[in-house]
């Protein structure tokens, strides 16, 4: 087990680099002084400042090994910790493929932002070919397919994403959206409820789930 970091000492080193927006210096410092496991262990500490700083740092340098430790922070009563955990997870998810897959994912995400959906899907196809276990590539392709009204295909990609990354609340919610468009309310509700079990602070998903329950007479 890696040695524990003293929370206040960690914050005193990291906070000045955060406040000066020295991202490069911060990443270098983190990689030289601590590993991801040591930083992740701060999330179990009662010091909320240390938890928040640790989440920011894990968003920058965290890897697959941190995900199971970060995900429970989504349920924290402190909305700031919840939001930081969500940001950290998305950041980690986007970079844990192979280098070639990461490159294709980033290209596809840029194309998706410009609604160049066909070209985006091609990039996500390439990312999956380069790394078949890259959950975020499936999730991003599911978004592109959803925007193309390809709801069954989008659901298939969401299923692949959550099989590889069970805590992927975004893919569970995306699955719910596609089921909803197919008027499969019971399936949509189950997907939304799974997303909310992981990340209970998804307000729009919570409201939609409540509307479905009302329509189903639940």
C-alpha atoms as a PDB file:
ATOM      1  CA  UNK A   1       0.000   0.000   0.000  1.00  0.00           C
ATOM      2  CA  UNK A   2       1.407   3.465  -0.872  1.00  0.00           C
ATOM      3  CA  UNK A   3       2.266   5.698   2.055  1.00  0.00           C
ATOM      4  CA  UNK A   4      -0.443   8.154   3.075  1.00  0.00           C
ATOM      5  CA  UNK A   5      -0.224  11.820   2.151  1.00  0.00           C
ATOM      6  CA  UNK A   6      -0.706  14.322   4.971  1.00  0.00           C
ATOM      7  CA  UNK A   7      -3.761  16.277   3.710  1.00  0.00           C
ATOM      8  CA  UNK A   8      -2.722  19.784   4.689  1.00  0.00           C
ATOM      9  CA  UNK A   9       0.787  19.285   3.336  1.00  0.00           C
ATOM     10  CA  UNK A  10      -0.706  18.140   0.031  1.00  0.00           C
ATOM     11  CA  UNK A  11      -3.008  21.162  -0.155  1.00  0.00           C
ATOM     12  CA  UNK A  12      -0.167  23.559   0.716  1.00  0.00           C
ATOM     13  CA  UNK A  13       1.895  22.266  -2.216  1.00  0.00           C
ATOM     14  CA  UNK A  14      -0.886  22.031  -4.767  1.00  0.00           C
ATOM     15  CA  UNK A  15      -3.069  25.074  -4.048  1.00  0.00           C
ATOM     16  CA  UNK A  16      -0.510  27.746  -5.132  1.00  0.00           C
ATOM     17  CA  UNK A  17      -0.075  25.959  -8.464  1.00  0.00           C
ATOM     18  CA  UNK A  18      -3.847  25.840  -8.922  1.00  0.00           C
ATOM     19  CA  UNK A  19      -4.266  29.484  -8.020  1.00  0.00           C
ATOM     20  CA  UNK A  20      -1.553  30.507 -10.506  1.00  0.00           C
ATOM     21  CA  UNK A  21      -3.106  28.310 -13.233  1.00  0.00           C
ATOM     22  CA  UNK A  22       0.251  26.575 -13.642  1.00  0.00           C
ATOM     23  CA  UNK A  23      -1.218  23.390 -15.119  1.00  0.00           C
ATOM     24  CA  UNK A  24       2.068  22.143 -16.521  1.00  0.00           C
ATOM     25  CA  UNK A  25       3.894  22.716 -13.234  1.00  0.00           C
ATOM     26  CA  UNK A  26       1.097  21.072 -11.277  1.00  0.00           C
ATOM     27  CA  UNK A  27       1.075  17.946 -13.416  1.00  0.00           C
ATOM     28  CA  UNK A  28       4.844  17.671 -13.172  1.00  0.00           C
ATOM     29  CA  UNK A  29       4.730  18.101  -9.389  1.00  0.00           C
ATOM     30  CA  UNK A  30       2.002  15.499  -8.971  1.00  0.00           C
ATOM     31  CA  UNK A  31       3.808  12.930 -11.087  1.00  0.00           C
ATOM     32  CA  UNK A  32       7.116  13.492  -9.344  1.00  0.00           C
ATOM     33  CA  UNK A  33       5.856  13.447  -5.762  1.00  0.00           C
ATOM     34  CA  UNK A  34       2.837  11.119  -5.595  1.00  0.00           C
ATOM     35  CA  UNK A  35       1.127   8.356  -7.491  1.00  0.00           C
ATOM     36  CA  UNK A  36      -2.587   8.172  -8.287  1.00  0.00           C
ATOM     37  CA  UNK A  37      -3.281   5.723  -5.492  1.00  0.00           C
ATOM     38  CA  UNK A  38      -1.849   8.070  -2.876  1.00  0.00           C
ATOM     39  CA  UNK A  39      -3.915  10.996  -4.181  1.00  0.00           C
ATOM     40  CA  UNK A  40      -7.078   8.880  -4.381  1.00  0.00           C
ATOM     41  CA  UNK A  41      -6.717   7.844  -0.743  1.00  0.00           C
ATOM     42  CA  UNK A  42      -7.287  11.482   0.232  1.00  0.00           C
ATOM     43  CA  UNK A  43     -10.910  11.064  -0.860  1.00  0.00           C
ATOM     44  CA  UNK A  44     -11.527   8.980   2.257  1.00  0.00           C
ATOM     45  CA  UNK A  45     -10.322  11.833   4.483  1.00  0.00           C
ATOM     46  CA  UNK A  46     -12.657  14.080   6.456  1.00  0.00           C
ATOM     47  CA  UNK A  47     -10.814  17.211   5.266  1.00  0.00           C
ATOM     48  CA  UNK A  48     -13.124  18.562   2.533  1.00  0.00           C
ATOM     49  CA  UNK A  49     -10.474  20.923   1.155  1.00  0.00           C
ATOM     50  CA  UNK A  50      -8.087  18.014   0.663  1.00  0.00           C
ATOM     51  CA  UNK A  51     -10.833  15.999  -1.056  1.00  0.00           C
ATOM     52  CA  UNK A  52     -11.625  18.847  -3.435  1.00  0.00           C
ATOM     53  CA  UNK A  53      -7.987  19.456  -4.310  1.00  0.00           C
ATOM     54  CA  UNK A  54      -7.445  15.719  -4.754  1.00  0.00           C
ATOM     55  CA  UNK A  55     -10.387  15.515  -7.163  1.00  0.00           C
ATOM     56  CA  UNK A  56      -8.999  18.364  -9.249  1.00  0.00           C
ATOM     57  CA  UNK A  57      -5.644  16.605  -9.365  1.00  0.00           C
ATOM     58  CA  UNK A  58      -7.146  13.248 -10.283  1.00  0.00           C
ATOM     59  CA  UNK A  59      -8.945  14.977 -13.132  1.00  0.00           C
ATOM     60  CA  UNK A  60      -5.495  15.890 -14.435  1.00  0.00           C
ATOM     61  CA  UNK A  61      -3.441  12.763 -13.743  1.00  0.00           C
ATOM     62  CA  UNK A  62      -5.876  10.067 -12.605  1.00  0.00           C
ATOM     63  CA  UNK A  63      -5.978   6.726 -14.383  1.00  0.00           C
ATOM     64  CA  UNK A  64      -8.266   3.690 -14.545  1.00  0.00           C
ATOM     65  CA  UNK A  65      -7.217   2.580 -11.060  1.00  0.00           C
ATOM     66  CA  UNK A  66      -8.806   5.695  -9.520  1.00  0.00           C
ATOM     67  CA  UNK A  67     -12.273   5.308 -10.986  1.00  0.00           C
ATOM     68  CA  UNK A  68     -13.730   3.080  -8.279  1.00  0.00           C
ATOM     69  CA  UNK A  69     -12.536   5.549  -5.648  1.00  0.00           C
ATOM     70  CA  UNK A  70     -13.752   8.679  -7.445  1.00  0.00           C
ATOM     71  CA  UNK A  71     -17.206   7.382  -8.448  1.00  0.00           C
ATOM     72  CA  UNK A  72     -18.663   7.216  -4.897  1.00  0.00           C
ATOM     73  CA  UNK A  73     -17.921  10.930  -4.492  1.00  0.00           C
ATOM     74  CA  UNK A  74     -20.751  11.590  -6.974  1.00  0.00           C
ATOM     75  CA  UNK A  75     -23.163  10.923  -4.103  1.00  0.00           C
ATOM     76  CA  UNK A  76     -21.468  13.363  -1.699  1.00  0.00           C
ATOM     77  CA  UNK A  77     -23.864  15.840  -0.085  1.00  0.00           C
ATOM     78  CA  UNK A  78     -21.500  18.696  -0.942  1.00  0.00           C
ATOM     79  CA  UNK A  79     -22.470  19.822  -4.482  1.00  0.00           C
ATOM     80  CA  UNK A  80     -18.952  21.071  -5.145  1.00  0.00           C
ATOM     81  CA  UNK A  81     -17.469  17.649  -4.435  1.00  0.00           C
ATOM     82  CA  UNK A  82     -20.133  16.041  -6.618  1.00  0.00           C
ATOM     83  CA  UNK A  83     -19.329  18.349  -9.522  1.00  0.00           C
ATOM     84  CA  UNK A  84     -15.585  17.888  -9.117  1.00  0.00           C
ATOM     85  CA  UNK A  85     -15.991  14.107  -9.048  1.00  0.00           C
ATOM     86  CA  UNK A  86     -18.085  14.251 -12.212  1.00  0.00           C
ATOM     87  CA  UNK A  87     -15.478  16.379 -13.967  1.00  0.00           C
ATOM     88  CA  UNK A  88     -12.666  14.090 -12.807  1.00  0.00           C
ATOM     89  CA  UNK A  89     -14.447  10.996 -14.107  1.00  0.00           C
ATOM     90  CA  UNK A  90     -15.127  12.502 -17.530  1.00  0.00           C
ATOM     91  CA  UNK A  91     -11.492  13.579 -17.767  1.00  0.00           C
ATOM     92  CA  UNK A  92     -10.235  10.121 -16.843  1.00  0.00           C
ATOM     93  CA  UNK A  93     -12.710   8.366 -19.153  1.00  0.00           C
ATOM     94  CA  UNK A  94     -11.532  10.433 -22.099  1.00  0.00           C
ATOM     95  CA  UNK A  95      -7.872   9.481 -21.744  1.00  0.00           C
ATOM     96  CA  UNK A  96      -7.737   5.815 -20.691  1.00  0.00           C
ATOM     97  CA  UNK A  97      -7.708   4.345 -24.175  1.00  0.00           C
ATOM     98  CA  UNK A  98      -4.577   3.544 -26.126  1.00  0.00           C
ATOM     99  CA  UNK A  99      -2.727   6.593 -27.536  1.00  0.00           C
ATOM    100  CA  UNK A 100      -4.159   5.994 -31.023  1.00  0.00           C
ATOM    101  CA  UNK A 101      -7.664   5.530 -29.629  1.00  0.00           C
ATOM    102  CA  UNK A 102      -7.388   8.672 -27.489  1.00  0.00           C
ATOM    103  CA  UNK A 103      -6.352  10.656 -30.554  1.00  0.00           C
ATOM    104  CA  UNK A 104      -9.328   9.422 -32.580  1.00  0.00           C
ATOM    105  CA  UNK A 105     -11.708  10.030 -29.683  1.00  0.00           C
ATOM    106  CA  UNK A 106     -10.592  13.662 -29.360  1.00  0.00           C
ATOM    107  CA  UNK A 107     -10.976  14.220 -33.096  1.00  0.00           C
ATOM    108  CA  UNK A 108     -14.413  12.649 -33.025  1.00  0.00           C
ATOM    109  CA  UNK A 109     -15.499  14.744 -30.038  1.00  0.00           C
ATOM    110  CA  UNK A 110     -14.488  17.942 -31.866  1.00  0.00           C
ATOM    111  CA  UNK A 111     -16.449  16.854 -34.940  1.00  0.00           C
ATOM    112  CA  UNK A 112     -19.408  15.988 -32.734  1.00  0.00           C
ATOM    113  CA  UNK A 113     -19.382  19.506 -31.291  1.00  0.00           C
ATOM    114  CA  UNK A 114     -19.722  20.847 -34.848  1.00  0.00           C
ATOM    115  CA  UNK A 115     -22.517  18.323 -35.562  1.00  0.00           C
ATOM    116  CA  UNK A 116     -20.426  16.637 -38.251  1.00  0.00           C
ATOM    117  CA  UNK A 117     -21.989  13.384 -37.180  1.00  0.00           C
ATOM    118  CA  UNK A 118     -20.888  11.042 -39.969  1.00  0.00           C
ATOM    119  CA  UNK A 119     -17.254  12.086 -39.674  1.00  0.00           C
ATOM    120  CA  UNK A 120     -17.474  11.834 -35.874  1.00  0.00           C
ATOM    121  CA  UNK A 121     -18.796   8.268 -36.078  1.00  0.00           C
ATOM    122  CA  UNK A 122     -15.874   7.337 -38.335  1.00  0.00           C
ATOM    123  CA  UNK A 123     -13.423   8.626 -35.737  1.00  0.00           C
ATOM    124  CA  UNK A 124     -15.176   6.720 -32.965  1.00  0.00           C
ATOM    125  CA  UNK A 125     -15.119   3.594 -35.150  1.00  0.00           C
ATOM    126  CA  UNK A 126     -11.374   4.095 -35.500  1.00  0.00           C
ATOM    127  CA  UNK A 127     -10.967   4.553 -31.752  1.00  0.00           C
ATOM    128  CA  UNK A 128     -12.841   1.308 -31.084  1.00  0.00           C
ATOM    129  CA  UNK A 129     -10.774  -0.523 -33.683  1.00  0.00           C
ATOM    130  CA  UNK A 130      -7.598   0.739 -31.992  1.00  0.00           C
ATOM    131  CA  UNK A 131      -8.845  -0.161 -28.501  1.00  0.00           C
ATOM    132  CA  UNK A 132     -11.959  -2.374 -28.314  1.00  0.00           C
ATOM    133  CA  UNK A 133     -12.110  -1.945 -24.523  1.00  0.00           C
ATOM    134  CA  UNK A 134     -12.325   1.860 -24.630  1.00  0.00           C
ATOM    135  CA  UNK A 135     -15.699   2.571 -23.000  1.00  0.00           C
ATOM    136  CA  UNK A 136     -15.774   6.272 -23.838  1.00  0.00           C
ATOM    137  CA  UNK A 137     -15.424   5.598 -27.559  1.00  0.00           C
ATOM    138  CA  UNK A 138     -18.640   3.579 -27.437  1.00  0.00           C
ATOM    139  CA  UNK A 139     -20.335   6.247 -25.342  1.00  0.00           C
ATOM    140  CA  UNK A 140     -19.389   9.052 -27.719  1.00  0.00           C
ATOM    141  CA  UNK A 141     -20.490   7.000 -30.715  1.00  0.00           C
ATOM    142  CA  UNK A 142     -23.794   6.419 -28.950  1.00  0.00           C
ATOM    143  CA  UNK A 143     -24.266  10.193 -28.693  1.00  0.00           C
ATOM    144  CA  UNK A 144     -23.572  10.681 -32.401  1.00  0.00           C
ATOM    145  CA  UNK A 145     -25.971   7.879 -33.284  1.00  0.00           C
ATOM    146  CA  UNK A 146     -28.636   9.327 -30.989  1.00  0.00           C
ATOM    147  CA  UNK A 147     -28.322  12.681 -32.768  1.00  0.00           C
ATOM    148  CA  UNK A 148     -28.792  10.811 -36.059  1.00  0.00           C
ATOM    149  CA  UNK A 149     -32.018   9.297 -34.667  1.00  0.00           C
ATOM    150  CA  UNK A 150     -30.390   5.839 -34.683  1.00  0.00           C
ATOM    151  CA  UNK A 151     -31.801   4.925 -31.307  1.00  0.00           C
ATOM    152  CA  UNK A 152     -31.362   1.139 -31.414  1.00  0.00           C
ATOM    153  CA  UNK A 153     -27.718   1.513 -32.459  1.00  0.00           C
ATOM    154  CA  UNK A 154     -27.213   4.137 -29.758  1.00  0.00           C
ATOM    155  CA  UNK A 155     -28.594   1.763 -27.127  1.00  0.00           C
ATOM    156  CA  UNK A 156     -26.229  -0.947 -28.356  1.00  0.00           C
ATOM    157  CA  UNK A 157     -23.249   1.359 -27.877  1.00  0.00           C
ATOM    158  CA  UNK A 158     -24.467   2.410 -24.428  1.00  0.00           C
ATOM    159  CA  UNK A 159     -24.725  -1.239 -23.424  1.00  0.00           C
ATOM    160  CA  UNK A 160     -21.137  -1.794 -24.544  1.00  0.00           C
ATOM    161  CA  UNK A 161     -19.976   1.286 -22.637  1.00  0.00           C
ATOM    162  CA  UNK A 162     -21.580   0.252 -19.343  1.00  0.00           C
ATOM    163  CA  UNK A 163     -20.394  -3.335 -19.722  1.00  0.00           C
ATOM    164  CA  UNK A 164     -16.848  -1.976 -19.851  1.00  0.00           C
ATOM    165  CA  UNK A 165     -17.442   0.849 -17.341  1.00  0.00           C
ATOM    166  CA  UNK A 166     -20.407  -0.012 -15.062  1.00  0.00           C
ATOM    167  CA  UNK A 167     -20.281   3.347 -13.247  1.00  0.00           C
ATOM    168  CA  UNK A 168     -20.692   5.329 -16.489  1.00  0.00           C
ATOM    169  CA  UNK A 169     -23.760   7.329 -15.504  1.00  0.00           C
ATOM    170  CA  UNK A 170     -23.618   9.227 -18.795  1.00  0.00           C
ATOM    171  CA  UNK A 171     -24.025   6.059 -20.828  1.00  0.00           C
ATOM    172  CA  UNK A 172     -26.849   4.834 -18.565  1.00  0.00           C
ATOM    173  CA  UNK A 173     -28.633   8.173 -19.007  1.00  0.00           C
ATOM    174  CA  UNK A 174     -28.015   8.098 -22.760  1.00  0.00           C
ATOM    175  CA  UNK A 175     -29.537   4.635 -22.899  1.00  0.00           C
ATOM    176  CA  UNK A 176     -32.589   6.009 -21.126  1.00  0.00           C
ATOM    177  CA  UNK A 177     -32.922   8.846 -23.654  1.00  0.00           C
ATOM    178  CA  UNK A 178     -32.935   6.405 -26.567  1.00  0.00           C
ATOM    179  CA  UNK A 179     -35.454   4.098 -24.912  1.00  0.00           C
ATOM    180  CA  UNK A 180     -37.643   7.130 -24.251  1.00  0.00           C
ATOM    181  CA  UNK A 181     -37.567   8.101 -27.940  1.00  0.00           C
ATOM    182  CA  UNK A 182     -38.594   4.538 -28.765  1.00  0.00           C
ATOM    183  CA  UNK A 183     -41.499   4.902 -26.277  1.00  0.00           C
ATOM    184  CA  UNK A 184     -40.137   2.002 -24.221  1.00  0.00           C
ATOM    185  CA  UNK A 185     -40.885   3.701 -20.929  1.00  0.00           C
ATOM    186  CA  UNK A 186     -40.143   0.817 -18.590  1.00  0.00           C
ATOM    187  CA  UNK A 187     -36.684   0.294 -20.123  1.00  0.00           C
ATOM    188  CA  UNK A 188     -36.044   4.036 -20.074  1.00  0.00           C
ATOM    189  CA  UNK A 189     -36.965   4.225 -16.401  1.00  0.00           C
ATOM    190  CA  UNK A 190     -34.652   1.347 -15.458  1.00  0.00           C
ATOM    191  CA  UNK A 191     -31.746   3.001 -17.290  1.00  0.00           C
ATOM    192  CA  UNK A 192     -32.444   6.379 -15.663  1.00  0.00           C
ATOM    193  CA  UNK A 193     -32.690   4.801 -12.228  1.00  0.00           C
ATOM    194  CA  UNK A 194     -29.337   3.103 -12.724  1.00  0.00           C
ATOM    195  CA  UNK A 195     -27.793   6.441 -13.738  1.00  0.00           C
ATOM    196  CA  UNK A 196     -29.239   8.078 -10.620  1.00  0.00           C
ATOM    197  CA  UNK A 197     -27.967   5.302  -8.356  1.00  0.00           C
ATOM    198  CA  UNK A 198     -24.476   6.243  -9.503  1.00  0.00           C
ATOM    199  CA  UNK A 199     -24.941  10.006  -9.743  1.00  0.00           C
ATOM    200  CA  UNK A 200     -28.016  11.120  -7.768  1.00  0.00           C
ATOM    201  CA  UNK A 201     -27.461  14.792  -8.595  1.00  0.00           C
ATOM    202  CA  UNK A 202     -28.567  14.556 -12.263  1.00  0.00           C
ATOM    203  CA  UNK A 203     -31.546  16.893 -11.950  1.00  0.00           C
ATOM    204  CA  UNK A 204     -32.931  16.551 -15.484  1.00  0.00           C
ATOM    205  CA  UNK A 205     -32.677  12.763 -15.388  1.00  0.00           C
ATOM    206  CA  UNK A 206     -34.400  12.719 -12.002  1.00  0.00           C
ATOM    207  CA  UNK A 207     -37.242  14.884 -13.307  1.00  0.00           C
ATOM    208  CA  UNK A 208     -37.669  12.744 -16.424  1.00  0.00           C
ATOM    209  CA  UNK A 209     -37.711   9.571 -14.331  1.00  0.00           C
ATOM    210  CA  UNK A 210     -40.430  11.086 -12.129  1.00  0.00           C
ATOM    211  CA  UNK A 211     -42.480  11.971 -15.213  1.00  0.00           C
ATOM    212  CA  UNK A 212     -42.179   8.398 -16.509  1.00  0.00           C
ATOM    213  CA  UNK A 213     -43.302   6.984 -13.161  1.00  0.00           C
ATOM    214  CA  UNK A 214     -46.323   9.263 -13.281  1.00  0.00           C
ATOM    215  CA  UNK A 215     -47.183   8.141 -16.826  1.00  0.00           C
ATOM    216  CA  UNK A 216     -46.816   4.501 -15.778  1.00  0.00           C
ATOM    217  CA  UNK A 217     -49.016   5.062 -12.735  1.00  0.00           C
ATOM    218  CA  UNK A 218     -46.245   4.246 -10.302  1.00  0.00           C
END
